[in-house]
Amino acid sequence: MKAVRIHRQGDHDDLVYEDAPRSAAATGDVLVEVHAASFVPDELTWPGTWVDRAGRDRAPSIPGHEVAGVVAEVRYGTTGLNPGDRVFGLTDWHRDGAAAEYVAVEARNLAVIPDGLGFEEAAALPLAGLTAWQGLFVHGGLRAGQRVVVHGAAGGTGTLAVQLARHAGAHVIATGRGRAAALAAELGAHAFVDLEQQPLRPAVGQVDLVFDTIGGDLLARSADLVGPGGALVSITAPPPVAPAGGRAAFFIVEPDHVQLAELARLAGSGAVRAHVGAVHPLAEAAKAFAAKQRGIPGKVVLSVR
């Protein structure tokens, strides 16, 4: 099969489009014929990209842990999926990803793509969608009527966090660079704060939850925004300052079939949509990684078929 691989630790310039052995599905897996894939720009630095769960070197490695495609083969121990099903989800961090014509994925990490949702949008949904869901509702405890700040509202995770929070009945304050204001409003944000032009505390006031996707000094300053009983939740680093009378949390997203299925339902109904910033053919994966590292809004997707 054709795949994008990286043979040594490096950057996107070291990605190579080449022939590779076809993925082999194990017990509990399905083999997915990949139609579209997406990625996180810094995943080439992740330990799981270079070693398996036993710590053994696994280079050359195939990146791209978000997949959308068609089930080509179902192995023993797999239930709920059949050949021909359109599916999307996450591949294991310690196994080869979806920047290839085929990938083996644990069936429990996949959900069926709803009618009307294309492969490219489906590939942009699982990692960002699960991260937003877990940050808002699992770690943040967001409820209807509460006020939430979403830092980095134009990013892949931020765009979905804005929509999910609005759909849940929260008052949503989005932040980012000024160019993101129109997109944030389109996605349902009630207010937008230009981080380059507006002082944060006067513009935001006090909120129940801050969901951070940017980090750095902004994360440290955000503790002051959280009211009593509220939470500061980040996906970038543990918050260096905890809110007075509140709590701070840092988490790494985990696959969750139930949450993924709910995201599929919401996307199928039009309640949320993944924001696809650009689409590149599989052979141009290096350009796709470079585009995302330059800060293009939304998710960058690889079109495989």
C-alpha atoms as a PDB file:
ATOM      1  CA  MET A   1       0.000   0.000   0.000  1.00  0.00           C
ATOM      2  CA  LYS A   2       0.996   3.653  -0.308  1.00  0.00           C
ATOM      3  CA  ALA A   3       1.726   5.399   2.972  1.00  0.00           C
ATOM      4  CA  VAL A   4       3.480   8.373   4.508  1.00  0.00           C
ATOM      5  CA  ARG A   5       6.287   7.305   6.834  1.00  0.00           C
ATOM      6  CA  ILE A   6       9.058   8.881   8.867  1.00  0.00           C
ATOM      7  CA  HIS A   7      12.230   6.817   9.346  1.00  0.00           C
ATOM      8  CA  ARG A   8      14.054   8.862  11.973  1.00  0.00           C
ATOM      9  CA  GLN A   9      13.128  11.469  14.551  1.00  0.00           C
ATOM     10  CA  GLY A  10      12.765  14.805  12.844  1.00  0.00           C
ATOM     11  CA  ASP A  11      10.238  17.254  11.454  1.00  0.00           C
ATOM     12  CA  HIS A  12       7.660  17.203   8.661  1.00  0.00           C
ATOM     13  CA  ASP A  13      10.437  17.571   6.067  1.00  0.00           C
ATOM     14  CA  ASP A  14      11.430  13.992   6.932  1.00  0.00           C
ATOM     15  CA  LEU A  15       8.049  12.533   5.944  1.00  0.00           C
ATOM     16  CA  VAL A  16       8.285  10.230   2.915  1.00  0.00           C
ATOM     17  CA  TYR A  17       5.461   9.074   0.623  1.00  0.00           C
ATOM     18  CA  GLU A  18       6.331   5.494  -0.302  1.00  0.00           C
ATOM     19  CA  ASP A  19       5.281   1.861  -0.520  1.00  0.00           C
ATOM     20  CA  ALA A  20       4.800   0.167   2.845  1.00  0.00           C
ATOM     21  CA  PRO A  21       3.571  -3.218   4.076  1.00  0.00           C
ATOM     22  CA  ARG A  22      -0.208  -3.345   4.366  1.00  0.00           C
ATOM     23  CA  SER A  23      -1.453  -3.061   7.937  1.00  0.00           C
ATOM     24  CA  ALA A  24      -2.377  -6.333   9.638  1.00  0.00           C
ATOM     25  CA  ALA A  25      -5.493  -6.429  11.801  1.00  0.00           C
ATOM     26  CA  ALA A  26      -5.254  -8.279  15.127  1.00  0.00           C
ATOM     27  CA  THR A  27      -7.939  -9.719  17.403  1.00  0.00           C
ATOM     28  CA  GLY A  28     -10.519  -7.019  18.163  1.00  0.00           C
ATOM     29  CA  ASP A  29      -9.399  -4.908  15.196  1.00  0.00           C
ATOM     30  CA  VAL A  30     -10.960  -3.918  11.943  1.00  0.00           C
ATOM     31  CA  LEU A  31      -8.946  -3.099   8.839  1.00  0.00           C
ATOM     32  CA  VAL A  32     -10.069   0.276   7.498  1.00  0.00           C
ATOM     33  CA  GLU A  33      -9.709   1.343   3.888  1.00  0.00           C
ATOM     34  CA  VAL A  34      -8.719   4.941   4.565  1.00  0.00           C
ATOM     35  CA  HIS A  35     -10.482   7.738   2.708  1.00  0.00           C
ATOM     36  CA  ALA A  36      -9.292  10.670   4.815  1.00  0.00           C
ATOM     37  CA  ALA A  37      -7.001  11.223   7.789  1.00  0.00           C
ATOM     38  CA  SER A  38      -5.970  14.043  10.080  1.00  0.00           C
ATOM     39  CA  PHE A  39      -3.199  14.683  12.575  1.00  0.00           C
ATOM     40  CA  VAL A  40      -1.801  16.810  15.389  1.00  0.00           C
ATOM     41  CA  PRO A  41       1.119  18.993  14.239  1.00  0.00           C
ATOM     42  CA  ASP A  42       3.449  17.973  17.073  1.00  0.00           C
ATOM     43  CA  GLU A  43       2.760  14.230  16.964  1.00  0.00           C
ATOM     44  CA  LEU A  44       6.132  13.536  15.325  1.00  0.00           C
ATOM     45  CA  THR A  45       7.665  14.340  18.733  1.00  0.00           C
ATOM     46  CA  TRP A  46       5.394  12.009  20.730  1.00  0.00           C
ATOM     47  CA  PRO A  47       7.105   9.004  22.384  1.00  0.00           C
ATOM     48  CA  GLY A  48       4.410   6.720  20.946  1.00  0.00           C
ATOM     49  CA  THR A  49       5.448   7.696  17.438  1.00  0.00           C
ATOM     50  CA  TRP A  50       8.807   5.999  17.982  1.00  0.00           C
ATOM     51  CA  VAL A  51       8.258   3.124  20.404  1.00  0.00           C
ATOM     52  CA  ASP A  52       5.516   0.592  21.054  1.00  0.00           C
ATOM     53  CA  ARG A  53       3.945  -0.004  24.460  1.00  0.00           C
ATOM     54  CA  ALA A  54       6.820  -2.294  25.415  1.00  0.00           C
ATOM     55  CA  GLY A  55       9.345   0.438  24.649  1.00  0.00           C
ATOM     56  CA  ARG A  56      10.638  -1.204  21.469  1.00  0.00           C
ATOM     57  CA  ASP A  57      11.653   0.902  18.490  1.00  0.00           C
ATOM     58  CA  ARG A  58       8.959   0.845  15.811  1.00  0.00           C
ATOM     59  CA  ALA A  59      10.390   3.152  13.132  1.00  0.00           C
ATOM     60  CA  PRO A  60       9.568   3.734  10.348  1.00  0.00           C
ATOM     61  CA  SER A  61       6.321   5.146  11.687  1.00  0.00           C
ATOM     62  CA  ILE A  62       3.091   6.201   9.941  1.00  0.00           C
ATOM     63  CA  PRO A  63       1.533   9.366  11.477  1.00  0.00           C
ATOM     64  CA  GLY A  64      -2.060  10.608  11.486  1.00  0.00           C
ATOM     65  CA  HIS A  65      -4.192   9.199  14.304  1.00  0.00           C
ATOM     66  CA  GLU A  66      -7.600  10.401  13.076  1.00  0.00           C
ATOM     67  CA  VAL A  67      -9.201   8.208  10.456  1.00  0.00           C
ATOM     68  CA  ALA A  68     -12.306   8.089   8.300  1.00  0.00           C
ATOM     69  CA  GLY A  69     -12.930   5.294   5.849  1.00  0.00           C
ATOM     70  CA  VAL A  70     -14.678   2.022   5.090  1.00  0.00           C
ATOM     71  CA  VAL A  71     -14.351  -1.255   6.990  1.00  0.00           C
ATOM     72  CA  ALA A  72     -12.508  -3.677   4.714  1.00  0.00           C
ATOM     73  CA  GLU A  73     -12.007  -6.582   7.127  1.00  0.00           C
ATOM     74  CA  VAL A  74     -13.351  -7.590  10.547  1.00  0.00           C
ATOM     75  CA  ARG A  75     -11.210  -9.775  12.793  1.00  0.00           C
ATOM     76  CA  TYR A  76     -12.212 -12.251  15.495  1.00  0.00           C
ATOM     77  CA  GLY A  77     -13.500 -10.662  18.697  1.00  0.00           C
ATOM     78  CA  THR A  78     -14.994  -7.657  16.928  1.00  0.00           C
ATOM     79  CA  THR A  79     -18.678  -6.791  17.312  1.00  0.00           C
ATOM     80  CA  GLY A  80     -20.864  -3.945  16.088  1.00  0.00           C
ATOM     81  CA  LEU A  81     -19.089  -3.321  12.786  1.00  0.00           C
ATOM     82  CA  ASN A  82     -19.304  -5.014   9.397  1.00  0.00           C
ATOM     83  CA  PRO A  83     -17.408  -4.826   6.105  1.00  0.00           C
ATOM     84  CA  GLY A  84     -18.652  -1.846   4.115  1.00  0.00           C
ATOM     85  CA  ASP A  85     -19.504   0.302   7.160  1.00  0.00           C
ATOM     86  CA  ARG A  86     -18.386   3.923   6.945  1.00  0.00           C
ATOM     87  CA  VAL A  87     -16.459   4.620  10.150  1.00  0.00           C
ATOM     88  CA  PHE A  88     -14.331   7.234  11.871  1.00  0.00           C
ATOM     89  CA  GLY A  89     -12.296   7.410  15.041  1.00  0.00           C
ATOM     90  CA  LEU A  90      -8.836   7.270  16.591  1.00  0.00           C
ATOM     91  CA  THR A  91      -5.933   4.907  16.049  1.00  0.00           C
ATOM     92  CA  ASP A  92      -3.713   3.853  18.957  1.00  0.00           C
ATOM     93  CA  TRP A  93      -0.906   6.345  19.708  1.00  0.00           C
ATOM     94  CA  HIS A  94       1.634   3.481  19.835  1.00  0.00           C
ATOM     95  CA  ARG A  95       0.612   1.954  16.499  1.00  0.00           C
ATOM     96  CA  ASP A  96       0.804   3.169  12.938  1.00  0.00           C
ATOM     97  CA  GLY A  97      -1.631   5.923  12.026  1.00  0.00           C
ATOM     98  CA  ALA A  98      -3.975   6.589   9.143  1.00  0.00           C
ATOM     99  CA  ALA A  99      -1.701   8.424   6.680  1.00  0.00           C
ATOM    100  CA  ALA A 100      -1.901   5.337   4.493  1.00  0.00           C
ATOM    101  CA  GLU A 101      -4.289   3.458   2.238  1.00  0.00           C
ATOM    102  CA  TYR A 102      -5.149   0.988   5.022  1.00  0.00           C
ATOM    103  CA  VAL A 103      -4.894   1.027   8.815  1.00  0.00           C
ATOM    104  CA  ALA A 104      -5.739  -1.506  11.524  1.00  0.00           C
ATOM    105  CA  VAL A 105      -7.805   0.023  14.329  1.00  0.00           C
ATOM    106  CA  GLU A 106      -9.364  -1.354  17.503  1.00  0.00           C
ATOM    107  CA  ALA A 107     -13.083  -1.540  16.774  1.00  0.00           C
ATOM    108  CA  ARG A 108     -13.927   0.017  20.151  1.00  0.00           C
ATOM    109  CA  ASN A 109     -12.204   3.233  19.008  1.00  0.00           C
ATOM    110  CA  LEU A 110     -14.486   3.674  15.992  1.00  0.00           C
ATOM    111  CA  ALA A 111     -18.058   4.819  15.362  1.00  0.00           C
ATOM    112  CA  VAL A 112     -20.261   4.781  12.288  1.00  0.00           C
ATOM    113  CA  ILE A 113     -20.246   7.929  10.160  1.00  0.00           C
ATOM    114  CA  PRO A 114     -23.795   9.314   9.915  1.00  0.00           C
ATOM    115  CA  ASP A 115     -25.465   9.819   6.565  1.00  0.00           C
ATOM    116  CA  GLY A 116     -24.679  13.175   5.030  1.00  0.00           C
ATOM    117  CA  LEU A 117     -21.258  13.526   6.678  1.00  0.00           C
ATOM    118  CA  GLY A 118     -18.329  13.289   4.275  1.00  0.00           C
ATOM    119  CA  PHE A 119     -15.068  11.507   4.948  1.00  0.00           C
ATOM    120  CA  GLU A 120     -12.956  14.673   5.134  1.00  0.00           C
ATOM    121  CA  GLU A 121     -15.152  16.306   7.778  1.00  0.00           C
ATOM    122  CA  ALA A 122     -15.418  13.005   9.661  1.00  0.00           C
ATOM    123  CA  ALA A 123     -11.620  12.724   9.769  1.00  0.00           C
ATOM    124  CA  ALA A 124     -11.409  16.177  11.355  1.00  0.00           C
ATOM    125  CA  LEU A 125     -13.863  15.299  14.120  1.00  0.00           C
ATOM    126  CA  PRO A 126     -12.607  12.535  16.449  1.00  0.00           C
ATOM    127  CA  LEU A 127      -9.531  13.939  18.222  1.00  0.00           C
ATOM    128  CA  ALA A 128     -10.684  17.550  18.377  1.00  0.00           C
ATOM    129  CA  GLY A 129     -14.244  16.517  19.204  1.00  0.00           C
ATOM    130  CA  LEU A 130     -13.305  14.128  22.001  1.00  0.00           C
ATOM    131  CA  THR A 131     -10.833  16.654  23.425  1.00  0.00           C
ATOM    132  CA  ALA A 132     -13.477  19.377  23.463  1.00  0.00           C
ATOM    133  CA  TRP A 133     -16.104  17.042  24.946  1.00  0.00           C
ATOM    134  CA  GLN A 134     -13.852  15.774  27.733  1.00  0.00           C
ATOM    135  CA  GLY A 135     -12.488  19.227  28.524  1.00  0.00           C
ATOM    136  CA  LEU A 136     -15.916  20.826  28.786  1.00  0.00           C
ATOM    137  CA  PHE A 137     -18.076  18.113  30.320  1.00  0.00           C
ATOM    138  CA  VAL A 138     -15.859  15.444  31.916  1.00  0.00           C
ATOM    139  CA  HIS A 139     -13.137  17.624  33.448  1.00  0.00           C
ATOM    140  CA  GLY A 140     -14.921  20.983  33.377  1.00  0.00           C
ATOM    141  CA  GLY A 141     -18.375  19.852  34.508  1.00  0.00           C
ATOM    142  CA  LEU A 142     -20.046  22.415  32.240  1.00  0.00           C
ATOM    143  CA  ARG A 143     -23.827  22.800  32.614  1.00  0.00           C
ATOM    144  CA  ALA A 144     -26.535  24.843  30.931  1.00  0.00           C
ATOM    145  CA  GLY A 145     -26.613  28.467  32.031  1.00  0.00           C
ATOM    146  CA  GLN A 146     -22.939  28.629  32.999  1.00  0.00           C
ATOM    147  CA  ARG A 147     -20.339  30.976  31.506  1.00  0.00           C
ATOM    148  CA  VAL A 148     -17.340  29.457  29.720  1.00  0.00           C
ATOM    149  CA  VAL A 149     -14.241  30.905  28.079  1.00  0.00           C
ATOM    150  CA  VAL A 150     -12.706  28.960  25.183  1.00  0.00           C
ATOM    151  CA  HIS A 151      -9.110  30.004  24.537  1.00  0.00           C
ATOM    152  CA  GLY A 152      -8.028  29.372  20.950  1.00  0.00           C
ATOM    153  CA  ALA A 153     -11.508  29.319  19.466  1.00  0.00           C
ATOM    154  CA  ALA A 154     -10.284  29.119  15.852  1.00  0.00           C
ATOM    155  CA  GLY A 155      -8.302  25.903  16.321  1.00  0.00           C
ATOM    156  CA  GLY A 156      -9.536  22.409  15.584  1.00  0.00           C
ATOM    157  CA  THR A 157     -10.435  21.768  19.229  1.00  0.00           C
ATOM    158  CA  GLY A 158     -11.564  25.323  19.932  1.00  0.00           C
ATOM    159  CA  THR A 159     -14.086  25.434  17.096  1.00  0.00           C
ATOM    160  CA  LEU A 160     -15.783  22.297  18.385  1.00  0.00           C
ATOM    161  CA  ALA A 161     -15.619  23.441  22.017  1.00  0.00           C
ATOM    162  CA  VAL A 162     -17.484  26.636  21.089  1.00  0.00           C
ATOM    163  CA  GLN A 163     -20.218  24.666  19.330  1.00  0.00           C
ATOM    164  CA  LEU A 164     -20.568  21.994  22.011  1.00  0.00           C
ATOM    165  CA  ALA A 165     -20.730  24.573  24.795  1.00  0.00           C
ATOM    166  CA  ARG A 166     -23.344  26.609  22.931  1.00  0.00           C
ATOM    167  CA  HIS A 167     -25.364  23.471  22.188  1.00  0.00           C
ATOM    168  CA  ALA A 168     -25.255  22.605  25.912  1.00  0.00           C
ATOM    169  CA  GLY A 169     -26.846  25.938  26.782  1.00  0.00           C
ATOM    170  CA  ALA A 170     -23.762  27.744  28.115  1.00  0.00           C
ATOM    171  CA  HIS A 171     -22.838  31.393  27.551  1.00  0.00           C
ATOM    172  CA  VAL A 172     -19.712  31.152  25.392  1.00  0.00           C
ATOM    173  CA  ILE A 173     -16.868  33.678  25.310  1.00  0.00           C
ATOM    174  CA  ALA A 174     -14.328  32.843  22.607  1.00  0.00           C
ATOM    175  CA  THR A 175     -10.781  34.176  22.477  1.00  0.00           C
ATOM    176  CA  GLY A 176      -8.065  34.308  19.851  1.00  0.00           C
ATOM    177  CA  ARG A 177      -6.508  36.623  17.314  1.00  0.00           C
ATOM    178  CA  GLY A 178      -8.773  39.225  15.768  1.00  0.00           C
ATOM    179  CA  ARG A 179      -9.056  37.339  12.478  1.00  0.00           C
ATOM    180  CA  ALA A 180     -10.940  34.568  14.338  1.00  0.00           C
ATOM    181  CA  ALA A 181     -13.810  36.809  15.473  1.00  0.00           C
ATOM    182  CA  ALA A 182     -16.082  36.171  12.497  1.00  0.00           C
ATOM    183  CA  LEU A 183     -15.581  32.409  12.669  1.00  0.00           C
ATOM    184  CA  ALA A 184     -16.283  32.347  16.417  1.00  0.00           C
ATOM    185  CA  ALA A 185     -19.523  34.256  15.894  1.00  0.00           C
ATOM    186  CA  GLU A 186     -20.540  31.912  13.074  1.00  0.00           C
ATOM    187  CA  LEU A 187     -19.984  28.920  15.355  1.00  0.00           C
ATOM    188  CA  GLY A 188     -22.209  30.363  18.073  1.00  0.00           C
ATOM    189  CA  ALA A 189     -19.971  32.296  20.465  1.00  0.00           C
ATOM    190  CA  HIS A 190     -21.863  35.001  22.348  1.00  0.00           C
ATOM    191  CA  ALA A 191     -18.761  37.205  22.648  1.00  0.00           C
ATOM    192  CA  PHE A 192     -15.191  37.337  21.348  1.00  0.00           C
ATOM    193  CA  VAL A 193     -12.028  38.698  22.960  1.00  0.00           C
ATOM    194  CA  ASP A 194      -9.120  39.688  20.721  1.00  0.00           C
ATOM    195  CA  LEU A 195      -6.114  38.587  22.762  1.00  0.00           C
ATOM    196  CA  GLU A 196      -3.825  40.962  20.870  1.00  0.00           C
ATOM    197  CA  GLN A 197      -5.970  44.037  21.464  1.00  0.00           C
ATOM    198  CA  GLN A 198      -8.152  43.614  24.565  1.00  0.00           C
ATOM    199  CA  PRO A 199      -7.209  43.178  28.236  1.00  0.00           C
ATOM    200  CA  LEU A 200      -8.476  39.790  29.319  1.00  0.00           C
ATOM    201  CA  ARG A 201     -10.061  40.283  32.757  1.00  0.00           C
ATOM    202  CA  PRO A 202     -12.123  43.434  31.975  1.00  0.00           C
ATOM    203  CA  ALA A 203     -13.411  41.851  28.769  1.00  0.00           C
ATOM    204  CA  VAL A 204     -14.342  38.504  30.316  1.00  0.00           C
ATOM    205  CA  GLY A 205     -15.300  39.144  33.915  1.00  0.00           C
ATOM    206  CA  GLN A 206     -15.883  36.035  36.044  1.00  0.00           C
ATOM    207  CA  VAL A 207     -16.785  32.668  34.548  1.00  0.00           C
ATOM    208  CA  ASP A 208     -17.529  29.116  35.638  1.00  0.00           C
ATOM    209  CA  LEU A 209     -15.052  27.427  33.309  1.00  0.00           C
ATOM    210  CA  VAL A 210     -11.978  28.361  31.301  1.00  0.00           C
ATOM    211  CA  PHE A 211     -11.048  25.777  28.662  1.00  0.00           C
ATOM    212  CA  ASP A 212      -7.518  26.450  27.447  1.00  0.00           C
ATOM    213  CA  THR A 213      -5.986  25.209  24.188  1.00  0.00           C
ATOM    214  CA  ILE A 214      -3.154  27.794  23.975  1.00  0.00           C
ATOM    215  CA  GLY A 215      -1.096  27.594  27.181  1.00  0.00           C
ATOM    216  CA  GLY A 216       1.822  29.778  28.182  1.00  0.00           C
ATOM    217  CA  ASP A 217       1.255  33.063  29.966  1.00  0.00           C
ATOM    218  CA  LEU A 218      -2.412  33.046  28.964  1.00  0.00           C
ATOM    219  CA  LEU A 219      -2.956  29.861  30.965  1.00  0.00           C
ATOM    220  CA  ALA A 220      -1.351  31.407  34.055  1.00  0.00           C
ATOM    221  CA  ARG A 221      -3.457  34.570  33.775  1.00  0.00           C
ATOM    222  CA  SER A 222      -6.675  32.618  33.321  1.00  0.00           C
ATOM    223  CA  ALA A 223      -6.916  31.424  36.922  1.00  0.00           C
ATOM    224  CA  ASP A 224      -8.068  34.919  37.859  1.00  0.00           C
ATOM    225  CA  LEU A 225     -11.118  34.554  35.599  1.00  0.00           C
ATOM    226  CA  VAL A 226     -12.603  31.560  37.414  1.00  0.00           C
ATOM    227  CA  GLY A 227     -15.260  32.150  40.032  1.00  0.00           C
ATOM    228  CA  PRO A 228     -15.884  30.127  43.213  1.00  0.00           C
ATOM    229  CA  GLY A 229     -16.526  26.476  42.447  1.00  0.00           C
ATOM    230  CA  GLY A 230     -15.341  26.889  38.873  1.00  0.00           C
ATOM    231  CA  ALA A 231     -12.578  25.193  36.924  1.00  0.00           C
ATOM    232  CA  LEU A 232      -9.556  25.980  34.765  1.00  0.00           C
ATOM    233  CA  VAL A 233      -8.990  23.085  32.350  1.00  0.00           C
ATOM    234  CA  SER A 234      -6.067  22.893  29.941  1.00  0.00           C
ATOM    235  CA  ILE A 235      -4.847  20.497  27.254  1.00  0.00           C
ATOM    236  CA  THR A 236      -1.456  22.204  26.949  1.00  0.00           C
ATOM    237  CA  ALA A 237       0.121  21.890  30.427  1.00  0.00           C
ATOM    238  CA  PRO A 238      -0.851  21.677  34.101  1.00  0.00           C
ATOM    239  CA  PRO A 239      -2.093  25.155  35.107  1.00  0.00           C
ATOM    240  CA  PRO A 240       0.694  26.838  37.118  1.00  0.00           C
ATOM    241  CA  VAL A 241      -1.866  28.780  39.171  1.00  0.00           C
ATOM    242  CA  ALA A 242      -5.065  27.292  40.590  1.00  0.00           C
ATOM    243  CA  PRO A 243      -8.204  29.440  40.751  1.00  0.00           C
ATOM    244  CA  ALA A 244      -9.059  30.815  44.188  1.00  0.00           C
ATOM    245  CA  GLY A 245     -11.990  28.743  45.407  1.00  0.00           C
ATOM    246  CA  GLY A 246     -11.906  26.616  42.243  1.00  0.00           C
ATOM    247  CA  ARG A 247      -9.877  23.808  40.750  1.00  0.00           C
ATOM    248  CA  ALA A 248      -7.322  23.311  37.997  1.00  0.00           C
ATOM    249  CA  ALA A 249      -7.000  20.326  35.673  1.00  0.00           C
ATOM    250  CA  PHE A 250      -4.771  19.125  32.857  1.00  0.00           C
ATOM    251  CA  PHE A 251      -5.681  16.086  30.775  1.00  0.00           C
ATOM    252  CA  ILE A 252      -4.751  14.080  27.698  1.00  0.00           C
ATOM    253  CA  VAL A 253      -7.658  12.960  25.564  1.00  0.00           C
ATOM    254  CA  GLU A 254      -8.702   9.308  25.710  1.00  0.00           C
ATOM    255  CA  PRO A 255     -10.650   7.296  23.138  1.00  0.00           C
ATOM    256  CA  ASP A 256     -14.291   6.832  24.140  1.00  0.00           C
ATOM    257  CA  HIS A 257     -16.781   5.030  21.924  1.00  0.00           C
ATOM    258  CA  VAL A 258     -19.882   6.440  23.629  1.00  0.00           C
ATOM    259  CA  GLN A 259     -18.664  10.030  23.326  1.00  0.00           C
ATOM    260  CA  LEU A 260     -17.580   9.424  19.723  1.00  0.00           C
ATOM    261  CA  ALA A 261     -21.027   8.082  18.849  1.00  0.00           C
ATOM    262  CA  GLU A 262     -22.644  11.154  20.428  1.00  0.00           C
ATOM    263  CA  LEU A 263     -20.358  13.425  18.398  1.00  0.00           C
ATOM    264  CA  ALA A 264     -21.411  11.507  15.293  1.00  0.00           C
ATOM    265  CA  ARG A 265     -25.071  12.044  16.182  1.00  0.00           C
ATOM    266  CA  LEU A 266     -24.567  15.774  16.695  1.00  0.00           C
ATOM    267  CA  ALA A 267     -22.569  16.121  13.473  1.00  0.00           C
ATOM    268  CA  GLY A 268     -25.161  14.146  11.550  1.00  0.00           C
ATOM    269  CA  SER A 269     -27.945  16.404  12.810  1.00  0.00           C
ATOM    270  CA  GLY A 270     -25.983  19.554  11.947  1.00  0.00           C
ATOM    271  CA  ALA A 271     -25.678  20.634  15.588  1.00  0.00           C
ATOM    272  CA  VAL A 272     -21.890  20.695  15.325  1.00  0.00           C
ATOM    273  CA  ARG A 273     -19.430  20.588  12.467  1.00  0.00           C
ATOM    274  CA  ALA A 274     -15.701  20.098  12.298  1.00  0.00           C
ATOM    275  CA  HIS A 275     -13.925  23.069  10.779  1.00  0.00           C
ATOM    276  CA  VAL A 276     -11.681  21.856   7.950  1.00  0.00           C
ATOM    277  CA  GLY A 277      -9.078  24.516   7.267  1.00  0.00           C
ATOM    278  CA  ALA A 278      -7.363  22.779   4.343  1.00  0.00           C
ATOM    279  CA  VAL A 279      -7.238  19.465   2.497  1.00  0.00           C
ATOM    280  CA  HIS A 280      -4.059  18.002   0.975  1.00  0.00           C
ATOM    281  CA  PRO A 281      -3.565  14.774  -0.964  1.00  0.00           C
ATOM    282  CA  LEU A 282      -1.764  12.027   0.953  1.00  0.00           C
ATOM    283  CA  ALA A 283       1.386  12.490  -1.135  1.00  0.00           C
ATOM    284  CA  GLU A 284       1.637  16.083   0.136  1.00  0.00           C
ATOM    285  CA  ALA A 285       1.601  15.209   3.848  1.00  0.00           C
ATOM    286  CA  ALA A 286       4.754  17.264   4.490  1.00  0.00           C
ATOM    287  CA  LYS A 287       2.995  20.349   3.096  1.00  0.00           C
ATOM    288  CA  ALA A 288      -0.062  19.568   5.220  1.00  0.00           C
ATOM    289  CA  PHE A 289       2.006  19.395   8.433  1.00  0.00           C
ATOM    290  CA  ALA A 290       3.770  22.634   7.482  1.00  0.00           C
ATOM    291  CA  ALA A 291       0.430  24.385   6.861  1.00  0.00           C
ATOM    292  CA  LYS A 292      -0.854  23.425  10.311  1.00  0.00           C
ATOM    293  CA  GLN A 293       2.388  24.451  11.991  1.00  0.00           C
ATOM    294  CA  ARG A 294       1.962  27.898  10.401  1.00  0.00           C
ATOM    295  CA  GLY A 295      -1.287  28.214  12.329  1.00  0.00           C
ATOM    296  CA  ILE A 296      -3.986  27.694   9.682  1.00  0.00           C
ATOM    297  CA  PRO A 297      -7.391  27.747  11.460  1.00  0.00           C
ATOM    298  CA  GLY A 298      -9.255  24.491  11.935  1.00  0.00           C
ATOM    299  CA  LYS A 299      -8.091  21.001  11.062  1.00  0.00           C
ATOM    300  CA  VAL A 300      -5.855  20.065   8.128  1.00  0.00           C
ATOM    301  CA  VAL A 301      -6.962  16.849   6.451  1.00  0.00           C
ATOM    302  CA  LEU A 302      -5.194  14.348   4.193  1.00  0.00           C
ATOM    303  CA  SER A 303      -7.335  13.045   1.339  1.00  0.00           C
ATOM    304  CA  VAL A 304      -6.369   9.422   0.706  1.00  0.00           C
ATOM    305  CA  ARG A 305      -9.046   8.326  -1.775  1.00  0.00           C
END
